[in-house]
Amino acid sequence: MIVAFSISPTSSDPTGSVTEAVAAAVRVVRESGLPHETNAMFTNIEGEWDEVMAVVKQAVDVVAAVSPRVGLVLKADIRPGYDGQLAAKVQRINDALAD
């Protein structure tokens, strides 16, 4: 499965910066060992249901440790029997564009 998720902490920083809290969440993902990528809006992670959801929960937990409120947006592509789709889905589009 592939999960795209975004964590939105509430900031007590007068500048409104949430960079450190979001970085802590991304660090959890990177240390998980699962295939992943981070872009300007979401972090995508690929793996089995239980391992992916455990990483999402850990990421939320590290943000909740420094934020009184946490928003979570999550979208999942659940396709048993397929792996490597984080890159393969993008490659199929690039191949179609090259035709």
Protein backbone atom coordinates (compact mmCIF):
# COMPACT_ATOMS: atom_id res chain seq x y z
CA MET A 1 0.00 0.00 0.00
CA ILE A 2 0.99 3.60 -0.50
CA VAL A 3 -0.09 6.23 2.00
CA ALA A 4 0.14 9.96 1.38
CA PHE A 5 -0.17 11.91 4.59
CA SER A 6 0.24 15.41 5.89
CA ILE A 7 0.55 16.40 9.53
CA SER A 8 -0.42 19.91 10.58
CA PRO A 9 0.71 20.94 14.06
CA THR A 10 -0.65 23.96 15.85
CA SER A 11 2.19 26.37 16.50
CA SER A 12 2.84 28.38 19.62
CA ASP A 13 5.72 30.08 17.78
CA PRO A 14 4.80 33.77 17.22
CA THR A 15 6.05 33.47 13.63
CA GLY A 16 3.68 30.55 13.02
CA SER A 17 6.55 28.27 12.04
CA VAL A 18 5.91 24.55 12.29
CA THR A 19 9.14 23.52 10.59
CA GLU A 20 10.74 21.74 13.55
CA ALA A 21 7.61 19.71 14.35
CA VAL A 22 7.15 18.68 10.72
CA ALA A 23 10.85 17.81 10.46
CA ALA A 24 10.49 15.51 13.47
CA ALA A 25 7.62 13.70 11.73
CA VAL A 26 9.60 13.34 8.50
CA ARG A 27 12.56 12.04 10.51
CA VAL A 28 10.34 9.22 11.83
CA VAL A 29 9.44 8.27 8.26
CA ARG A 30 13.04 8.37 7.04
CA GLU A 31 14.23 6.25 9.96
CA SER A 32 11.50 3.66 9.34
CA GLY A 33 13.41 2.07 6.48
CA LEU A 34 10.27 2.00 4.31
CA PRO A 35 10.29 3.47 0.79
CA HIS A 36 9.20 7.10 1.04
CA GLU A 37 9.32 10.55 -0.49
CA THR A 38 8.48 13.99 0.82
CA ASN A 39 7.19 16.85 -1.29
CA ALA A 40 5.84 20.30 -0.51
CA MET A 41 2.42 19.01 0.52
CA PHE A 42 2.65 15.36 1.61
CA THR A 43 4.91 12.55 2.65
CA ASN A 44 4.34 9.29 0.78
CA ILE A 45 5.30 5.97 2.32
CA GLU A 46 4.98 2.42 0.98
CA GLY A 47 4.69 -0.88 2.81
CA GLU A 48 2.28 -3.27 4.46
CA TRP A 49 -0.77 -1.87 6.28
CA ASP A 50 0.44 -2.42 9.84
CA GLU A 51 3.96 -1.10 9.27
CA VAL A 52 2.81 1.98 7.35
CA MET A 53 0.12 2.86 9.89
CA ALA A 54 2.59 2.36 12.75
CA VAL A 55 4.93 4.90 11.13
CA VAL A 56 2.08 7.38 10.61
CA LYS A 57 1.10 6.99 14.27
CA GLN A 58 4.71 7.53 15.41
CA ALA A 59 4.94 10.65 13.23
CA VAL A 60 1.72 12.02 14.74
CA ASP A 61 2.95 11.18 18.23
CA VAL A 62 6.22 13.13 17.86
CA VAL A 63 4.30 16.16 16.62
CA ALA A 64 1.72 15.82 19.40
CA ALA A 65 4.57 15.91 21.92
CA VAL A 66 5.24 19.55 20.95
CA SER A 67 1.86 20.70 19.70
CA PRO A 68 -1.42 20.99 21.59
CA ARG A 69 -3.38 20.03 18.46
CA VAL A 70 -2.50 17.97 15.40
CA GLY A 71 -4.33 17.71 12.08
CA LEU A 72 -3.83 14.65 9.90
CA VAL A 73 -4.78 14.21 6.24
CA LEU A 74 -4.30 10.68 4.92
CA LYS A 75 -4.95 9.08 1.55
CA ALA A 76 -4.24 5.39 0.89
CA ASP A 77 -3.85 3.29 -2.24
CA ILE A 78 -4.50 -0.25 -0.98
CA ARG A 79 -3.45 -2.79 -3.61
CA PRO A 80 -2.45 -6.17 -2.15
CA GLY A 81 0.28 -8.03 -3.97
CA TYR A 82 1.98 -4.97 -5.42
CA ASP A 83 5.13 -3.31 -4.16
CA GLY A 84 7.53 -0.81 -5.65
CA GLN A 85 4.57 1.28 -6.77
CA LEU A 86 5.89 4.51 -5.26
CA ALA A 87 8.28 4.74 -8.21
CA ALA A 88 6.40 2.56 -10.71
CA LYS A 89 3.29 4.75 -10.79
CA VAL A 90 5.38 7.81 -11.62
CA GLN A 91 7.38 5.87 -14.22
CA ARG A 92 4.19 4.82 -16.04
CA ILE A 93 3.17 8.47 -16.36
CA ASN A 94 6.63 9.50 -17.54
CA ASP A 95 6.59 6.69 -20.11
CA ALA A 96 3.18 7.83 -21.38
CA LEU A 97 4.42 11.42 -21.67
CA ALA A 98 7.46 10.30 -23.67
CA ASP A 99 5.29 8.67 -26.36
